[in-house]
PDB file of N, CA and C in Angstrom:
ATOM      1  N   MET A   1     -26.368 -55.353  12.454  1.00  0.00           N
ATOM      2  CA  MET A   1     -24.934 -56.004  12.707  1.00  0.00           C
ATOM      3  C   MET A   1     -24.306 -55.067  12.770  1.00  0.00           C
ATOM      4  N   SER A   2     -22.964 -55.513  13.785  1.00  0.00           N
ATOM      5  CA  SER A   2     -21.972 -54.623  14.314  1.00  0.00           C
ATOM      6  C   SER A   2     -20.483 -54.967  13.802  1.00  0.00           C
ATOM      7  N   SER A   3     -19.730 -54.169  13.562  1.00  0.00           N
ATOM      8  CA  SER A   3     -18.786 -54.555  13.246  1.00  0.00           C
ATOM      9  C   SER A   3     -17.403 -53.574  14.032  1.00  0.00           C
ATOM     10  N   LEU A   4     -16.323 -53.836  14.013  1.00  0.00           N
ATOM     11  CA  LEU A   4     -15.154 -52.964  14.153  1.00  0.00           C
ATOM     12  C   LEU A   4     -14.864 -51.626  14.096  1.00  0.00           C
ATOM     13  N   VAL A   5     -15.242 -50.758  14.648  1.00  0.00           N
ATOM     14  CA  VAL A   5     -15.132 -49.401  14.318  1.00  0.00           C
ATOM     15  C   VAL A   5     -14.261 -48.373  14.777  1.00  0.00           C
ATOM     16  N   GLY A   6     -13.388 -49.069  15.978  1.00  0.00           N
ATOM     17  CA  GLY A   6     -12.560 -48.332  16.593  1.00  0.00           C
ATOM     18  C   GLY A   6     -11.916 -48.768  18.199  1.00  0.00           C
ATOM     19  N   TYR A   7     -11.224 -48.216  18.766  1.00  0.00           N
ATOM     20  CA  TYR A   7     -10.022 -48.616  19.905  1.00  0.00           C
ATOM     21  C   TYR A   7     -10.397 -47.716  20.785  1.00  0.00           C
ATOM     22  N   VAL A   8     -10.642 -47.919  22.252  1.00  0.00           N
ATOM     23  CA  VAL A   8      -9.820 -46.988  23.207  1.00  0.00           C
ATOM     24  C   VAL A   8      -9.172 -47.747  24.512  1.00  0.00           C
ATOM     25  N   THR A   9      -8.258 -47.046  24.820  1.00  0.00           N
ATOM     26  CA  THR A   9      -7.212 -47.211  25.734  1.00  0.00           C
ATOM     27  C   THR A   9      -7.670 -47.018  27.195  1.00  0.00           C
ATOM     28  N   ALA A  10      -7.879 -47.871  28.218  1.00  0.00           N
ATOM     29  CA  ALA A  10      -8.882 -47.731  29.318  1.00  0.00           C
ATOM     30  C   ALA A  10      -8.862 -48.601  30.256  1.00  0.00           C
ATOM     31  N   THR A  11      -9.032 -48.606  31.250  1.00  0.00           N
ATOM     32  CA  THR A  11      -9.232 -49.623  32.558  1.00  0.00           C
ATOM     33  C   THR A  11     -10.674 -49.954  32.509  1.00  0.00           C
ATOM     34  N   PHE A  12     -10.686 -51.032  32.817  1.00  0.00           N
ATOM     35  CA  PHE A  12     -12.073 -51.677  33.402  1.00  0.00           C
ATOM     36  C   PHE A  12     -12.884 -50.707  34.029  1.00  0.00           C
ATOM     37  N   ASP A  13     -12.677 -50.095  34.940  1.00  0.00           N
ATOM     38  CA  ASP A  13     -13.309 -49.091  35.784  1.00  0.00           C
ATOM     39  C   ASP A  13     -13.754 -48.012  35.124  1.00  0.00           C
ATOM     40  N   GLN A  14     -12.897 -47.424  34.225  1.00  0.00           N
ATOM     41  CA  GLN A  14     -13.198 -46.409  33.113  1.00  0.00           C
ATOM     42  C   GLN A  14     -14.154 -46.589  32.227  1.00  0.00           C
ATOM     43  N   ILE A  15     -14.270 -47.707  31.414  1.00  0.00           N
ATOM     44  CA  ILE A  15     -15.222 -48.086  30.651  1.00  0.00           C
ATOM     45  C   ILE A  15     -16.680 -48.453  31.473  1.00  0.00           C
ATOM     46  N   ARG A  16     -16.575 -49.222  32.527  1.00  0.00           N
ATOM     47  CA  ARG A  16     -17.727 -49.327  33.634  1.00  0.00           C
ATOM     48  C   ARG A  16     -18.257 -48.087  33.453  1.00  0.00           C
ATOM     49  N   ASP A  17     -17.669 -47.063  33.959  1.00  0.00           N
ATOM     50  CA  ASP A  17     -17.909 -45.480  34.220  1.00  0.00           C
ATOM     51  C   ASP A  17     -18.709 -45.008  33.168  1.00  0.00           C
ATOM     52  N   ILE A  18     -18.749 -45.159  31.921  1.00  0.00           N
ATOM     53  CA  ILE A  18     -19.209 -44.614  30.780  1.00  0.00           C
ATOM     54  C   ILE A  18     -20.615 -45.598  30.182  1.00  0.00           C
ATOM     55  N   ALA A  19     -20.730 -46.757  31.045  1.00  0.00           N
ATOM     56  CA  ALA A  19     -21.659 -47.516  30.778  1.00  0.00           C
ATOM     57  C   ALA A  19     -23.135 -46.871  31.493  1.00  0.00           C
ATOM     58  N   TRP A  20     -24.164 -47.109  30.776  1.00  0.00           N
ATOM     59  CA  TRP A  20     -25.747 -46.666  31.457  1.00  0.00           C
ATOM     60  C   TRP A  20     -25.777 -47.798  32.497  1.00  0.00           C
ATOM     61  N   GLU A  21     -26.531 -47.050  33.522  1.00  0.00           N
ATOM     62  CA  GLU A  21     -26.607 -47.542  34.748  1.00  0.00           C
ATOM     63  C   GLU A  21     -27.580 -48.955  34.134  1.00  0.00           C
ATOM     64  N   GLY A  22     -26.949 -50.091  34.678  1.00  0.00           N
ATOM     65  CA  GLY A  22     -27.647 -51.510  34.439  1.00  0.00           C
ATOM     66  C   GLY A  22     -26.973 -52.182  33.509  1.00  0.00           C
ATOM     67  N   ASP A  23     -26.179 -51.830  32.437  1.00  0.00           N
ATOM     68  CA  ASP A  23     -25.143 -52.221  31.491  1.00  0.00           C
ATOM     69  C   ASP A  23     -23.894 -52.737  32.480  1.00  0.00           C
ATOM     70  N   ALA A  24     -24.077 -53.884  32.955  1.00  0.00           N
ATOM     71  CA  ALA A  24     -23.271 -54.661  33.884  1.00  0.00           C
ATOM     72  C   ALA A  24     -22.487 -55.247  32.653  1.00  0.00           C
ATOM     73  N   PRO A  25     -21.069 -55.772  32.746  1.00  0.00           N
ATOM     74  CA  PRO A  25     -20.405 -56.115  31.729  1.00  0.00           C
ATOM     75  C   PRO A  25     -20.621 -57.782  31.556  1.00  0.00           C
ATOM     76  N   LEU A  26     -20.860 -58.400  30.723  1.00  0.00           N
ATOM     77  CA  LEU A  26     -20.589 -59.705  30.204  1.00  0.00           C
ATOM     78  C   LEU A  26     -19.219 -60.462  30.465  1.00  0.00           C
ATOM     79  N   THR A  27     -19.109 -61.148  31.326  1.00  0.00           N
ATOM     80  CA  THR A  27     -17.744 -61.613  31.778  1.00  0.00           C
ATOM     81  C   THR A  27     -17.821 -63.367  31.227  1.00  0.00           C
ATOM     82  N   SER A  28     -16.710 -63.588  31.147  1.00  0.00           N
ATOM     83  CA  SER A  28     -16.422 -65.207  30.832  1.00  0.00           C
ATOM     84  C   SER A  28     -14.885 -65.645  31.541  1.00  0.00           C
ATOM     85  N   ASN A  29     -14.984 -66.501  32.227  1.00  0.00           N
ATOM     86  CA  ASN A  29     -13.817 -67.405  32.769  1.00  0.00           C
ATOM     87  C   ASN A  29     -13.300 -68.179  32.116  1.00  0.00           C
ATOM     88  N   ASP A  30     -13.252 -68.168  30.654  1.00  0.00           N
ATOM     89  CA  ASP A  30     -12.948 -69.400  29.681  1.00  0.00           C
ATOM     90  C   ASP A  30     -11.945 -68.843  29.160  1.00  0.00           C
ATOM     91  N   ALA A  31     -10.901 -69.332  29.331  1.00  0.00           N
ATOM     92  CA  ALA A  31      -9.355 -68.967  28.631  1.00  0.00           C
ATOM     93  C   ALA A  31      -9.322 -69.182  27.192  1.00  0.00           C
ATOM     94  N   SER A  32     -10.003 -69.791  26.974  1.00  0.00           N
ATOM     95  CA  SER A  32     -10.019 -70.297  25.345  1.00  0.00           C
ATOM     96  C   SER A  32     -11.161 -69.371  24.410  1.00  0.00           C
ATOM     97  N   GLU A  33     -11.977 -68.436  25.307  1.00  0.00           N
ATOM     98  CA  GLU A  33     -12.739 -67.638  24.516  1.00  0.00           C
ATOM     99  C   GLU A  33     -12.100 -66.157  24.212  1.00  0.00           C
ATOM    100  N   LYS A  34     -12.623 -65.742  22.525  1.00  0.00           N
ATOM    101  CA  LYS A  34     -12.028 -64.674  22.205  1.00  0.00           C
ATOM    102  C   LYS A  34     -12.194 -62.959  22.774  1.00  0.00           C
ATOM    103  N   VAL A  35     -13.543 -63.482  23.373  1.00  0.00           N
ATOM    104  CA  VAL A  35     -13.584 -62.272  24.319  1.00  0.00           C
ATOM    105  C   VAL A  35     -14.098 -62.686  25.720  1.00  0.00           C
ATOM    106  N   SER A  36     -13.580 -62.048  26.540  1.00  0.00           N
ATOM    107  CA  SER A  36     -13.636 -62.709  27.838  1.00  0.00           C
ATOM    108  C   SER A  36     -14.310 -61.392  28.450  1.00  0.00           C
ATOM    109  N   THR A  37     -14.276 -60.197  28.288  1.00  0.00           N
ATOM    110  CA  THR A  37     -14.856 -59.105  29.250  1.00  0.00           C
ATOM    111  C   THR A  37     -15.834 -58.159  28.105  1.00  0.00           C
ATOM    112  N   GLU A  38     -16.856 -57.775  28.003  1.00  0.00           N
ATOM    113  CA  GLU A  38     -17.652 -57.089  27.407  1.00  0.00           C
ATOM    114  C   GLU A  38     -18.909 -56.058  27.667  1.00  0.00           C
ATOM    115  N   PHE A  39     -18.770 -55.155  27.486  1.00  0.00           N
ATOM    116  CA  PHE A  39     -19.784 -54.191  27.659  1.00  0.00           C
ATOM    117  C   PHE A  39     -20.947 -53.834  26.819  1.00  0.00           C
ATOM    118  N   VAL A  40     -21.971 -54.161  26.719  1.00  0.00           N
ATOM    119  CA  VAL A  40     -22.915 -53.600  25.612  1.00  0.00           C
ATOM    120  C   VAL A  40     -23.723 -52.311  25.984  1.00  0.00           C
ATOM    121  N   LEU A  41     -23.786 -51.512  25.437  1.00  0.00           N
ATOM    122  CA  LEU A  41     -24.213 -50.007  25.756  1.00  0.00           C
ATOM    123  C   LEU A  41     -25.568 -49.912  24.745  1.00  0.00           C
ATOM    124  N   ASP A  42     -26.442 -49.427  24.963  1.00  0.00           N
ATOM    125  CA  ASP A  42     -27.316 -49.183  24.086  1.00  0.00           C
ATOM    126  C   ASP A  42     -27.650 -47.461  24.021  1.00  0.00           C
ATOM    127  N   ASP A  43     -27.353 -46.723  22.973  1.00  0.00           N
ATOM    128  CA  ASP A  43     -27.467 -45.260  22.466  1.00  0.00           C
ATOM    129  C   ASP A  43     -28.781 -45.420  21.534  1.00  0.00           C
ATOM    130  N   PHE A  44     -29.688 -44.347  21.604  1.00  0.00           N
ATOM    131  CA  PHE A  44     -30.728 -43.910  20.946  1.00  0.00           C
ATOM    132  C   PHE A  44     -30.499 -43.627  19.434  1.00  0.00           C
ATOM    133  N   GLU A  45     -29.321 -43.501  19.262  1.00  0.00           N
ATOM    134  CA  GLU A  45     -28.848 -42.734  17.880  1.00  0.00           C
ATOM    135  C   GLU A  45     -28.208 -43.748  17.503  1.00  0.00           C
ATOM    136  N   ALA A  46     -26.955 -44.294  17.879  1.00  0.00           N
ATOM    137  CA  ALA A  46     -25.813 -44.996  17.466  1.00  0.00           C
ATOM    138  C   ALA A  46     -26.173 -46.616  17.579  1.00  0.00           C
ATOM    139  N   GLY A  47     -27.471 -47.019  18.328  1.00  0.00           N
ATOM    140  CA  GLY A  47     -27.906 -48.344  18.546  1.00  0.00           C
ATOM    141  C   GLY A  47     -26.772 -48.834  19.290  1.00  0.00           C
ATOM    142  N   GLU A  48     -26.594 -50.377  19.231  1.00  0.00           N
ATOM    143  CA  GLU A  48     -25.876 -51.145  20.247  1.00  0.00           C
ATOM    144  C   GLU A  48     -24.482 -50.636  19.949  1.00  0.00           C
ATOM    145  N   ILE A  49     -23.514 -50.671  20.839  1.00  0.00           N
ATOM    146  CA  ILE A  49     -22.272 -50.303  21.141  1.00  0.00           C
ATOM    147  C   ILE A  49     -21.702 -51.149  21.770  1.00  0.00           C
ATOM    148  N   ARG A  50     -20.745 -52.230  21.354  1.00  0.00           N
ATOM    149  CA  ARG A  50     -19.946 -53.135  22.371  1.00  0.00           C
ATOM    150  C   ARG A  50     -18.374 -52.737  22.345  1.00  0.00           C
ATOM    151  N   ILE A  51     -18.428 -52.575  23.714  1.00  0.00           N
ATOM    152  CA  ILE A  51     -16.743 -52.537  23.977  1.00  0.00           C
ATOM    153  C   ILE A  51     -16.118 -53.783  24.716  1.00  0.00           C
ATOM    154  N   TYR A  52     -15.290 -54.336  24.036  1.00  0.00           N
ATOM    155  CA  TYR A  52     -14.660 -55.723  24.470  1.00  0.00           C
ATOM    156  C   TYR A  52     -13.286 -55.581  24.357  1.00  0.00           C
ATOM    157  N   ASP A  53     -12.505 -56.621  25.203  1.00  0.00           N
ATOM    158  CA  ASP A  53     -11.162 -57.197  25.181  1.00  0.00           C
ATOM    159  C   ASP A  53     -11.063 -58.430  24.236  1.00  0.00           C
ATOM    160  N   TRP A  54     -10.598 -58.360  22.953  1.00  0.00           N
ATOM    161  CA  TRP A  54     -10.287 -59.221  22.048  1.00  0.00           C
ATOM    162  C   TRP A  54      -8.852 -60.181  21.808  1.00  0.00           C
ATOM    163  N   LYS A  55      -9.141 -61.274  21.841  1.00  0.00           N
ATOM    164  CA  LYS A  55      -7.763 -62.455  21.895  1.00  0.00           C
ATOM    165  C   LYS A  55      -6.892 -62.253  22.824  1.00  0.00           C
ATOM    166  N   HIS A  56      -7.051 -62.058  24.206  1.00  0.00           N
ATOM    167  CA  HIS A  56      -6.424 -61.647  25.057  1.00  0.00           C
ATOM    168  C   HIS A  56      -6.041 -63.190  25.732  1.00  0.00           C
ATOM    169  N   TYR A  57      -7.372 -64.434  25.460  1.00  0.00           N
ATOM    170  CA  TYR A  57      -7.189 -65.519  26.043  1.00  0.00           C
ATOM    171  C   TYR A  57      -6.341 -65.850  27.483  1.00  0.00           C
ATOM    172  N   ASP A  58      -6.997 -64.898  28.391  1.00  0.00           N
ATOM    173  CA  ASP A  58      -6.442 -65.336  29.803  1.00  0.00           C
ATOM    174  C   ASP A  58      -7.939 -65.068  30.727  1.00  0.00           C
ATOM    175  N   ALA A  59      -9.060 -65.048  30.196  1.00  0.00           N
ATOM    176  CA  ALA A  59     -10.246 -65.133  31.240  1.00  0.00           C
ATOM    177  C   ALA A  59     -10.464 -63.946  31.950  1.00  0.00           C
ATOM    178  N   GLY A  60      -9.958 -63.152  31.168  1.00  0.00           N
ATOM    179  CA  GLY A  60     -10.282 -61.799  31.423  1.00  0.00           C
ATOM    180  C   GLY A  60      -9.428 -61.096  32.574  1.00  0.00           C
ATOM    181  N   VAL A  61      -8.455 -61.660  32.985  1.00  0.00           N
ATOM    182  CA  VAL A  61      -7.494 -61.120  34.067  1.00  0.00           C
ATOM    183  C   VAL A  61      -6.899 -59.771  33.505  1.00  0.00           C
ATOM    184  N   GLU A  62      -6.303 -59.757  32.446  1.00  0.00           N
ATOM    185  CA  GLU A  62      -5.864 -58.491  32.073  1.00  0.00           C
ATOM    186  C   GLU A  62      -6.628 -57.493  32.128  1.00  0.00           C
ATOM    187  N   ALA A  63      -7.637 -57.483  31.246  1.00  0.00           N
ATOM    188  CA  ALA A  63      -8.964 -56.741  30.950  1.00  0.00           C
ATOM    189  C   ALA A  63      -9.555 -55.974  32.795  1.00  0.00           C
ATOM    190  N   ARG A  64      -9.846 -56.842  33.293  1.00  0.00           N
ATOM    191  CA  ARG A  64     -10.184 -56.679  35.349  1.00  0.00           C
ATOM    192  C   ARG A  64      -9.162 -56.143  35.707  1.00  0.00           C
ATOM    193  N   SER A  65      -7.709 -56.062  35.663  1.00  0.00           N
ATOM    194  CA  SER A  65      -6.847 -56.032  36.261  1.00  0.00           C
ATOM    195  C   SER A  65      -6.299 -54.428  36.947  1.00  0.00           C
ATOM    196  N   GLY A  66      -7.319 -53.702  36.406  1.00  0.00           N
ATOM    197  CA  GLY A  66      -7.037 -52.286  36.742  1.00  0.00           C
ATOM    198  C   GLY A  66      -6.311 -51.442  35.881  1.00  0.00           C
ATOM    199  N   TYR A  67      -5.433 -52.243  35.014  1.00  0.00           N
ATOM    200  CA  TYR A  67      -4.294 -51.532  33.976  1.00  0.00           C
ATOM    201  C   TYR A  67      -5.138 -51.111  32.920  1.00  0.00           C
ATOM    202  N   PRO A  68      -4.634 -50.287  32.240  1.00  0.00           N
ATOM    203  CA  PRO A  68      -5.352 -49.854  31.299  1.00  0.00           C
ATOM    204  C   PRO A  68      -5.035 -51.087  29.899  1.00  0.00           C
ATOM    205  N   ILE A  69      -5.686 -51.280  29.183  1.00  0.00           N
ATOM    206  CA  ILE A  69      -5.713 -51.894  27.939  1.00  0.00           C
ATOM    207  C   ILE A  69      -6.543 -51.366  26.729  1.00  0.00           C
ATOM    208  N   GLN A  70      -6.062 -51.993  25.707  1.00  0.00           N
ATOM    209  CA  GLN A  70      -6.529 -51.247  24.200  1.00  0.00           C
ATOM    210  C   GLN A  70      -8.191 -52.282  24.211  1.00  0.00           C
ATOM    211  N   TRP A  71      -9.341 -51.285  24.256  1.00  0.00           N
ATOM    212  CA  TRP A  71     -10.885 -52.395  23.959  1.00  0.00           C
ATOM    213  C   TRP A  71     -10.800 -51.872  22.598  1.00  0.00           C
ATOM    214  N   HIS A  72     -11.833 -53.115  22.186  1.00  0.00           N
ATOM    215  CA  HIS A  72     -12.324 -52.996  20.906  1.00  0.00           C
ATOM    216  C   HIS A  72     -13.711 -52.315  21.062  1.00  0.00           C
ATOM    217  N   ILE A  73     -14.115 -51.230  20.144  1.00  0.00           N
ATOM    218  CA  ILE A  73     -15.371 -50.672  19.811  1.00  0.00           C
ATOM    219  C   ILE A  73     -16.061 -51.576  18.582  1.00  0.00           C
ATOM    220  N   GLY A  74     -17.287 -52.092  19.075  1.00  0.00           N
ATOM    221  CA  GLY A  74     -18.159 -52.611  17.781  1.00  0.00           C
ATOM    222  C   GLY A  74     -19.478 -52.012  17.774  1.00  0.00           C
ATOM    223  N   ALA A  75     -19.657 -51.610  16.626  1.00  0.00           N
ATOM    224  CA  ALA A  75     -20.957 -51.015  16.486  1.00  0.00           C
ATOM    225  C   ALA A  75     -21.329 -51.300  14.859  1.00  0.00           C
ATOM    226  N   SER A  76     -22.506 -50.367  14.605  1.00  0.00           N
ATOM    227  CA  SER A  76     -23.136 -50.682  13.257  1.00  0.00           C
ATOM    228  C   SER A  76     -22.422 -49.327  12.669  1.00  0.00           C
ATOM    229  N   SER A  77     -22.085 -48.057  13.219  1.00  0.00           N
ATOM    230  CA  SER A  77     -21.848 -46.942  12.586  1.00  0.00           C
ATOM    231  C   SER A  77     -20.634 -46.346  13.459  1.00  0.00           C
ATOM    232  N   GLN A  78     -19.786 -45.531  12.717  1.00  0.00           N
ATOM    233  CA  GLN A  78     -18.766 -44.503  13.187  1.00  0.00           C
ATOM    234  C   GLN A  78     -19.328 -43.902  14.298  1.00  0.00           C
ATOM    235  N   TYR A  79     -20.644 -43.387  14.371  1.00  0.00           N
ATOM    236  CA  TYR A  79     -21.261 -42.677  15.391  1.00  0.00           C
ATOM    237  C   TYR A  79     -20.749 -42.875  16.862  1.00  0.00           C
ATOM    238  N   ALA A  80     -20.868 -44.327  16.779  1.00  0.00           N
ATOM    239  CA  ALA A  80     -20.549 -44.560  17.981  1.00  0.00           C
ATOM    240  C   ALA A  80     -19.155 -44.212  18.757  1.00  0.00           C
ATOM    241  N   ILE A  81     -18.246 -43.759  18.121  1.00  0.00           N
ATOM    242  CA  ILE A  81     -16.838 -43.219  18.837  1.00  0.00           C
ATOM    243  C   ILE A  81     -17.377 -41.926  19.221  1.00  0.00           C
ATOM    244  N   GLU A  82     -18.007 -41.042  18.659  1.00  0.00           N
ATOM    245  CA  GLU A  82     -18.395 -40.074  19.260  1.00  0.00           C
ATOM    246  C   GLU A  82     -19.102 -40.021  20.309  1.00  0.00           C
ATOM    247  N   VAL A  83     -20.231 -41.051  20.334  1.00  0.00           N
ATOM    248  CA  VAL A  83     -20.978 -41.403  22.080  1.00  0.00           C
ATOM    249  C   VAL A  83     -19.871 -41.895  22.688  1.00  0.00           C
ATOM    250  N   ILE A  84     -19.017 -42.515  22.501  1.00  0.00           N
ATOM    251  CA  ILE A  84     -17.733 -43.050  23.571  1.00  0.00           C
ATOM    252  C   ILE A  84     -17.506 -41.575  23.912  1.00  0.00           C
ATOM    253  N   ASN A  85     -16.753 -41.283  23.095  1.00  0.00           N
ATOM    254  CA  ASN A  85     -16.111 -39.860  23.486  1.00  0.00           C
ATOM    255  C   ASN A  85     -16.758 -38.744  24.529  1.00  0.00           C
ATOM    256  N   GLU A  86     -17.961 -38.957  24.078  1.00  0.00           N
ATOM    257  CA  GLU A  86     -18.685 -38.124  25.006  1.00  0.00           C
ATOM    258  C   GLU A  86     -19.002 -38.593  26.119  1.00  0.00           C
ATOM    259  N   ARG A  87     -19.237 -39.985  26.250  1.00  0.00           N
ATOM    260  CA  ARG A  87     -19.529 -40.206  27.730  1.00  0.00           C
ATOM    261  C   ARG A  87     -17.967 -40.493  28.657  1.00  0.00           C
ATOM    262  N   LEU A  88     -16.865 -40.554  27.781  1.00  0.00           N
ATOM    263  CA  LEU A  88     -15.623 -40.360  28.529  1.00  0.00           C
ATOM    264  C   LEU A  88     -15.469 -39.232  28.979  1.00  0.00           C
ATOM    265  N   ASP A  89     -15.751 -37.871  28.188  1.00  0.00           N
ATOM    266  CA  ASP A  89     -15.725 -36.351  28.472  1.00  0.00           C
ATOM    267  C   ASP A  89     -16.559 -36.172  29.830  1.00  0.00           C
ATOM    268  N   ALA A  90     -17.686 -36.650  29.647  1.00  0.00           N
ATOM    269  CA  ALA A  90     -18.614 -36.506  30.581  1.00  0.00           C
ATOM    270  C   ALA A  90     -18.114 -37.009  31.955  1.00  0.00           C
ATOM    271  N   GLU A  91     -17.417 -38.166  32.039  1.00  0.00           N
ATOM    272  CA  GLU A  91     -16.904 -38.629  33.239  1.00  0.00           C
ATOM    273  C   GLU A  91     -15.556 -38.097  33.761  1.00  0.00           C
ATOM    274  N   GLY A  92     -15.119 -37.228  32.969  1.00  0.00           N
ATOM    275  CA  GLY A  92     -13.856 -36.597  33.350  1.00  0.00           C
ATOM    276  C   GLY A  92     -12.954 -37.171  32.947  1.00  0.00           C
ATOM    277  N   HIS A  93     -12.954 -38.309  32.372  1.00  0.00           N
ATOM    278  CA  HIS A  93     -11.825 -38.935  31.503  1.00  0.00           C
ATOM    279  C   HIS A  93     -10.875 -38.258  30.539  1.00  0.00           C
ATOM    280  N   ASP A  94      -9.694 -38.539  30.401  1.00  0.00           N
ATOM    281  CA  ASP A  94      -8.994 -37.803  29.201  1.00  0.00           C
ATOM    282  C   ASP A  94      -8.662 -38.695  28.051  1.00  0.00           C
ATOM    283  N   MET A  95      -8.825 -39.993  27.913  1.00  0.00           N
ATOM    284  CA  MET A  95      -8.452 -40.820  26.810  1.00  0.00           C
ATOM    285  C   MET A  95      -9.582 -40.597  25.872  1.00  0.00           C
ATOM    286  N   VAL A  96      -9.153 -40.783  24.552  1.00  0.00           N
ATOM    287  CA  VAL A  96     -10.134 -40.648  23.502  1.00  0.00           C
ATOM    288  C   VAL A  96      -9.863 -41.674  22.307  1.00  0.00           C
ATOM    289  N   ALA A  97     -11.380 -42.238  22.320  1.00  0.00           N
ATOM    290  CA  ALA A  97     -11.777 -43.479  21.559  1.00  0.00           C
ATOM    291  C   ALA A  97     -11.291 -42.984  19.850  1.00  0.00           C
ATOM    292  N   THR A  98     -10.820 -43.715  19.198  1.00  0.00           N
ATOM    293  CA  THR A  98     -10.189 -43.457  18.132  1.00  0.00           C
ATOM    294  C   THR A  98     -10.855 -44.738  16.730  1.00  0.00           C
ATOM    295  N   THR A  99     -11.346 -44.128  15.523  1.00  0.00           N
ATOM    296  CA  THR A  99     -11.556 -44.751  14.678  1.00  0.00           C
ATOM    297  C   THR A  99     -10.543 -45.714  14.130  1.00  0.00           C
ATOM    298  N   CYS A 100     -10.950 -46.901  13.707  1.00  0.00           N
ATOM    299  CA  CYS A 100      -9.633 -47.694  12.949  1.00  0.00           C
ATOM    300  C   CYS A 100      -9.797 -48.036  11.481  1.00  0.00           C
ATOM    301  N   ARG A 101     -10.615 -47.172  10.803  1.00  0.00           N
ATOM    302  CA  ARG A 101     -10.536 -46.980   9.599  1.00  0.00           C
ATOM    303  C   ARG A 101     -10.309 -45.193   9.294  1.00  0.00           C
TER     304      ARG A 101
END
């Protein structure tokens, strides 16, 4: 079971860069949904990691706008933050994911 473990401020494209091949985003065009854009990444050690917009209620307009937003990171352990930061660094992005606890 996953829960909120941290945040990262990035653009949609930067988050897409750190997803593994084939990890296409899950999207919704329903403005009443709490999550309209979500990436689900699988990591051998961290398990399933979810990076998602939360309560923007705009059908993904802000998340997919090309401007940085604060994304939520959901996982079963804090290790997911390290995985996200390793992927960001590998892609040459200078932002850092942080824990919420």
